[in-house]
Each structure stands twice: as structure tokens, then as C-alpha cells.
């Protein structure tokens, strides 16, 4: 499957499920060439997401929300996913 298409699908699913204020999705598959997951055709991706949906949730709960949004893709398109998930109030504190 086309990498650009995968990136667009990841973005679309996360935007629909979590309405992020900020979303960055990066394909890092090229960094894992020769890895078993890469040979299967499934990719390695990095997500940085800021969403109000994460307020009051711990990191594990936030990751679960992301995995829920990408559930089908985790089975067929994504081998590995690195997640940075923040609530808007956390990013505002960092900037200040």
C-alpha cells in the first residue's frame, strides 16, 4: 500500500476520533529496513497528538484511545507506532 495513503488514513482516523488541536504523523519505516515488520509490508509510524480528549487521562489511557482509533490499521497496516499524546493544557504549560 502507498505510504502517503497510510499517512492520510492515520491522520483521518485520529482527526475523526480525537479532534486534535495538533497532529503530526511521520512514516519511519525507512529506519527499520530489514526488520520483520518491514518485510511484512506493515509500517513504522510516529504520532505526536495534542487533544482535549486526553484531559484527565494518564499516558496508558491516552495510548489506548489512539490504538482504538487505529484499531483496524494496527492489524493490517501498522507494525509499530510511537505515540506522544498530550492534553492542550500540558503544551500550554511548556510554552509558558
N, C-alpha and C. Protein backbone atom coordinates (compact mmCIF):
# COMPACT_ATOMS: atom_id res chain seq x y z
N UNK A 1 0.84 -1.19 0.00
CA UNK A 1 0.00 0.00 0.00
C UNK A 1 0.88 1.24 0.00
N UNK A 2 0.41 2.27 -0.63
CA UNK A 2 1.10 3.54 -0.74
C UNK A 2 1.27 4.16 0.65
N UNK A 3 2.51 4.59 0.97
CA UNK A 3 2.81 5.19 2.27
C UNK A 3 2.01 6.46 2.49
N UNK A 4 1.89 7.29 1.47
CA UNK A 4 1.13 8.53 1.59
C UNK A 4 -0.31 8.23 1.96
N UNK A 5 -0.89 7.22 1.34
CA UNK A 5 -2.25 6.81 1.65
C UNK A 5 -2.37 6.38 3.11
N UNK A 6 -1.39 5.64 3.61
CA UNK A 6 -1.40 5.21 5.01
C UNK A 6 -1.35 6.42 5.94
N UNK A 7 -0.47 7.36 5.64
CA UNK A 7 -0.38 8.57 6.46
C UNK A 7 -1.70 9.31 6.47
N UNK A 8 -2.33 9.45 5.33
CA UNK A 8 -3.62 10.14 5.23
C UNK A 8 -4.69 9.39 6.03
N UNK A 9 -4.68 8.07 5.96
CA UNK A 9 -5.67 7.28 6.70
C UNK A 9 -5.45 7.39 8.20
N UNK A 10 -4.19 7.37 8.63
CA UNK A 10 -3.90 7.54 10.06
C UNK A 10 -4.40 8.90 10.53
N UNK A 11 -4.04 9.95 9.78
CA UNK A 11 -4.49 11.30 10.14
C UNK A 11 -6.02 11.38 10.20
N UNK A 12 -6.68 10.86 9.19
CA UNK A 12 -8.14 10.94 9.12
C UNK A 12 -8.79 10.22 10.31
N UNK A 13 -8.29 9.06 10.65
CA UNK A 13 -8.89 8.31 11.77
C UNK A 13 -8.68 9.02 13.09
N UNK A 14 -7.48 9.57 13.29
CA UNK A 14 -7.20 10.28 14.54
C UNK A 14 -7.99 11.58 14.63
N UNK A 15 -8.12 12.27 13.51
CA UNK A 15 -8.91 13.52 13.49
C UNK A 15 -10.37 13.24 13.79
N UNK A 16 -10.90 12.19 13.22
CA UNK A 16 -12.30 11.83 13.45
C UNK A 16 -12.54 11.41 14.89
N UNK A 17 -11.68 10.58 15.43
CA UNK A 17 -11.88 10.02 16.77
C UNK A 17 -11.54 10.99 17.89
N UNK A 18 -10.50 11.82 17.69
CA UNK A 18 -9.98 12.61 18.82
C UNK A 18 -10.00 14.12 18.62
N UNK A 19 -10.35 14.59 17.43
CA UNK A 19 -10.42 16.04 17.13
C UNK A 19 -9.21 16.78 17.68
N UNK A 20 -8.02 16.42 17.25
CA UNK A 20 -6.82 17.03 17.82
C UNK A 20 -6.64 18.50 17.46
N UNK A 21 -6.03 19.23 18.39
CA UNK A 21 -5.64 20.61 18.14
C UNK A 21 -4.34 20.63 17.35
N UNK A 22 -3.57 19.57 17.52
CA UNK A 22 -2.28 19.44 16.82
C UNK A 22 -2.07 17.96 16.50
N UNK A 23 -1.58 17.68 15.30
CA UNK A 23 -1.34 16.30 14.90
C UNK A 23 -0.20 16.24 13.91
N UNK A 24 0.81 15.44 14.24
CA UNK A 24 1.94 15.18 13.34
C UNK A 24 2.09 13.67 13.22
N UNK A 25 2.11 13.19 11.99
CA UNK A 25 2.28 11.77 11.73
C UNK A 25 3.47 11.61 10.81
N UNK A 26 4.41 10.77 11.20
CA UNK A 26 5.63 10.58 10.42
C UNK A 26 5.83 9.09 10.13
N UNK A 27 6.14 8.80 8.89
CA UNK A 27 6.47 7.42 8.50
C UNK A 27 7.95 7.21 8.77
N UNK A 28 8.26 6.29 9.66
CA UNK A 28 9.65 5.97 10.00
C UNK A 28 10.05 4.58 9.51
N UNK A 29 9.30 4.05 8.58
CA UNK A 29 9.56 2.70 8.08
C UNK A 29 10.97 2.55 7.52
N UNK A 30 11.46 3.59 6.88
CA UNK A 30 12.80 3.52 6.27
C UNK A 30 13.89 3.30 7.33
N UNK A 31 13.62 3.66 8.58
CA UNK A 31 14.59 3.45 9.65
C UNK A 31 14.63 2.00 10.13
N UNK A 32 13.68 1.21 9.66
CA UNK A 32 13.56 -0.17 10.12
C UNK A 32 13.69 -1.18 8.98
N UNK A 33 14.38 -0.79 7.94
CA UNK A 33 14.56 -1.68 6.79
C UNK A 33 15.20 -2.99 7.26
N UNK A 34 14.64 -4.11 6.79
CA UNK A 34 15.15 -5.42 7.17
C UNK A 34 14.49 -5.99 8.41
N UNK A 35 13.78 -5.17 9.15
CA UNK A 35 13.06 -5.61 10.35
C UNK A 35 11.88 -6.48 9.92
N UNK A 36 11.51 -7.44 10.74
CA UNK A 36 10.43 -8.37 10.39
C UNK A 36 9.14 -7.65 10.01
N UNK A 37 8.79 -6.61 10.73
CA UNK A 37 7.57 -5.86 10.42
C UNK A 37 7.65 -5.17 9.08
N UNK A 38 8.84 -4.70 8.73
CA UNK A 38 9.03 -4.03 7.44
C UNK A 38 8.87 -5.04 6.31
N UNK A 39 9.37 -6.25 6.51
CA UNK A 39 9.24 -7.29 5.48
C UNK A 39 7.79 -7.68 5.24
N UNK A 40 6.96 -7.54 6.26
CA UNK A 40 5.55 -7.91 6.12
C UNK A 40 4.76 -6.86 5.34
N UNK A 41 5.39 -5.71 5.09
CA UNK A 41 4.71 -4.64 4.37
C UNK A 41 4.00 -3.65 5.29
N UNK A 42 3.97 -3.97 6.57
CA UNK A 42 3.37 -3.05 7.53
C UNK A 42 4.42 -2.02 7.95
N UNK A 43 3.99 -0.80 8.27
CA UNK A 43 4.93 0.28 8.52
C UNK A 43 5.17 0.61 9.98
N UNK A 44 6.19 1.45 10.16
CA UNK A 44 6.56 2.00 11.46
C UNK A 44 6.22 3.49 11.42
N UNK A 45 5.43 3.97 12.38
CA UNK A 45 4.99 5.35 12.37
C UNK A 45 5.19 6.01 13.72
N UNK A 46 5.34 7.33 13.69
CA UNK A 46 5.45 8.15 14.90
C UNK A 46 4.32 9.16 14.87
N UNK A 47 3.60 9.28 16.00
CA UNK A 47 2.48 10.21 16.11
C UNK A 47 2.71 11.13 17.30
N UNK A 48 2.56 12.42 17.05
CA UNK A 48 2.52 13.41 18.13
C UNK A 48 1.16 14.07 18.03
N UNK A 49 0.38 13.97 19.10
CA UNK A 49 -1.00 14.43 19.07
C UNK A 49 -1.34 15.20 20.34
N UNK A 50 -2.01 16.33 20.15
CA UNK A 50 -2.49 17.14 21.26
C UNK A 50 -4.00 17.21 21.10
N UNK A 51 -4.73 16.74 22.12
CA UNK A 51 -6.19 16.70 22.02
C UNK A 51 -6.84 16.87 23.39
N UNK A 52 -7.95 17.58 23.41
CA UNK A 52 -8.72 17.77 24.65
C UNK A 52 -9.21 16.42 25.18
N UNK A 53 -9.38 15.46 24.30
CA UNK A 53 -9.84 14.12 24.71
C UNK A 53 -8.89 13.47 25.71
N UNK A 54 -7.65 13.96 25.81
CA UNK A 54 -6.66 13.38 26.72
C UNK A 54 -6.69 14.00 28.11
N UNK A 55 -7.42 15.09 28.29
CA UNK A 55 -7.50 15.73 29.61
C UNK A 55 -7.97 14.72 30.65
N UNK A 56 -7.25 14.66 31.76
CA UNK A 56 -7.63 13.77 32.85
C UNK A 56 -7.27 12.32 32.65
N UNK A 57 -6.61 12.00 31.54
CA UNK A 57 -6.21 10.62 31.27
C UNK A 57 -4.71 10.46 31.47
N UNK A 58 -4.32 9.31 31.99
CA UNK A 58 -2.89 9.02 32.13
C UNK A 58 -2.34 8.56 30.79
N UNK A 59 -1.01 8.45 30.66
CA UNK A 59 -0.41 8.07 29.37
C UNK A 59 -0.93 6.76 28.79
N UNK A 60 -1.14 5.75 29.62
CA UNK A 60 -1.64 4.47 29.12
C UNK A 60 -3.04 4.63 28.53
N UNK A 61 -3.91 5.37 29.20
CA UNK A 61 -5.26 5.59 28.70
C UNK A 61 -5.23 6.37 27.38
N UNK A 62 -4.32 7.31 27.26
CA UNK A 62 -4.18 8.10 26.03
C UNK A 62 -3.76 7.21 24.88
N UNK A 63 -2.79 6.34 25.14
CA UNK A 63 -2.32 5.42 24.10
C UNK A 63 -3.45 4.49 23.67
N UNK A 64 -4.24 4.05 24.62
CA UNK A 64 -5.37 3.18 24.28
C UNK A 64 -6.37 3.89 23.37
N UNK A 65 -6.60 5.18 23.61
CA UNK A 65 -7.50 5.95 22.75
C UNK A 65 -6.96 6.03 21.33
N UNK A 66 -5.66 6.22 21.21
CA UNK A 66 -5.04 6.27 19.88
C UNK A 66 -5.15 4.90 19.20
N UNK A 67 -4.81 3.84 19.93
CA UNK A 67 -4.90 2.49 19.36
C UNK A 67 -6.33 2.15 18.96
N UNK A 68 -7.31 2.59 19.76
CA UNK A 68 -8.72 2.36 19.41
C UNK A 68 -9.06 3.02 18.08
N UNK A 69 -8.59 4.23 17.89
CA UNK A 69 -8.88 4.97 16.66
C UNK A 69 -8.25 4.30 15.45
N UNK A 70 -7.13 3.62 15.67
CA UNK A 70 -6.39 2.99 14.56
C UNK A 70 -6.54 1.48 14.54
N UNK A 71 -7.50 0.96 15.27
CA UNK A 71 -7.64 -0.48 15.50
C UNK A 71 -7.42 -1.35 14.26
N UNK A 72 -8.18 -1.15 13.22
CA UNK A 72 -8.06 -1.97 12.01
C UNK A 72 -6.69 -1.80 11.36
N UNK A 73 -6.18 -0.59 11.36
CA UNK A 73 -4.87 -0.33 10.75
C UNK A 73 -3.75 -1.02 11.52
N UNK A 74 -3.92 -1.17 12.83
CA UNK A 74 -2.92 -1.86 13.64
C UNK A 74 -2.81 -3.33 13.22
N UNK A 75 -3.89 -3.89 12.73
CA UNK A 75 -3.88 -5.28 12.30
C UNK A 75 -3.29 -5.48 10.91
N UNK A 76 -3.47 -4.47 10.04
CA UNK A 76 -3.13 -4.66 8.63
C UNK A 76 -2.04 -3.76 8.07
N UNK A 77 -1.89 -2.56 8.63
CA UNK A 77 -1.01 -1.57 8.02
C UNK A 77 0.14 -1.10 8.91
N UNK A 78 -0.03 -1.17 10.21
CA UNK A 78 0.96 -0.62 11.14
C UNK A 78 1.61 -1.74 11.93
N UNK A 79 2.93 -1.81 11.85
CA UNK A 79 3.66 -2.80 12.64
C UNK A 79 4.07 -2.19 13.98
N UNK A 80 4.52 -0.93 13.95
CA UNK A 80 4.98 -0.27 15.17
C UNK A 80 4.49 1.18 15.17
N UNK A 81 4.14 1.65 16.37
CA UNK A 81 3.62 3.01 16.50
C UNK A 81 4.20 3.65 17.74
N UNK A 82 4.92 4.75 17.54
CA UNK A 82 5.45 5.54 18.63
C UNK A 82 4.47 6.68 18.86
N UNK A 83 4.02 6.86 20.10
CA UNK A 83 2.98 7.84 20.40
C UNK A 83 3.44 8.84 21.45
N UNK A 84 3.27 10.12 21.14
CA UNK A 84 3.39 11.19 22.13
C UNK A 84 2.02 11.84 22.18
N UNK A 85 1.33 11.73 23.31
CA UNK A 85 -0.04 12.22 23.43
C UNK A 85 -0.15 13.20 24.59
N UNK A 86 -0.61 14.40 24.29
CA UNK A 86 -0.70 15.46 25.29
C UNK A 86 -2.08 16.10 25.29
N UNK A 87 -2.46 16.63 26.45
CA UNK A 87 -3.64 17.47 26.56
C UNK A 87 -3.20 18.90 26.24
N UNK A 88 -4.09 19.74 25.72
CA UNK A 88 -3.72 21.13 25.39
C UNK A 88 -3.14 21.90 26.58
N UNK A 89 -3.64 21.64 27.77
CA UNK A 89 -3.12 22.35 28.94
C UNK A 89 -1.66 22.01 29.21
N UNK A 90 -1.22 20.84 28.84
CA UNK A 90 0.17 20.45 29.04
C UNK A 90 1.09 21.17 28.08
N UNK A 91 0.67 21.33 26.86
CA UNK A 91 1.51 22.03 25.87
C UNK A 91 1.55 23.52 26.17
N UNK A 92 0.45 24.07 26.72
CA UNK A 92 0.42 25.48 27.09
C UNK A 92 1.40 25.76 28.22
N UNK A 93 1.51 24.85 29.17
CA UNK A 93 2.45 24.99 30.29
C UNK A 93 3.89 24.96 29.80
N UNK A 94 4.17 24.13 28.82
CA UNK A 94 5.54 24.03 28.27
C UNK A 94 5.96 25.31 27.58
N UNK A 95 5.03 25.90 26.84
CA UNK A 95 5.34 27.10 26.07
C UNK A 95 5.56 28.31 26.98
N UNK A 96 4.93 28.32 28.13
CA UNK A 96 4.98 29.48 29.00
C UNK A 96 6.13 29.56 29.90
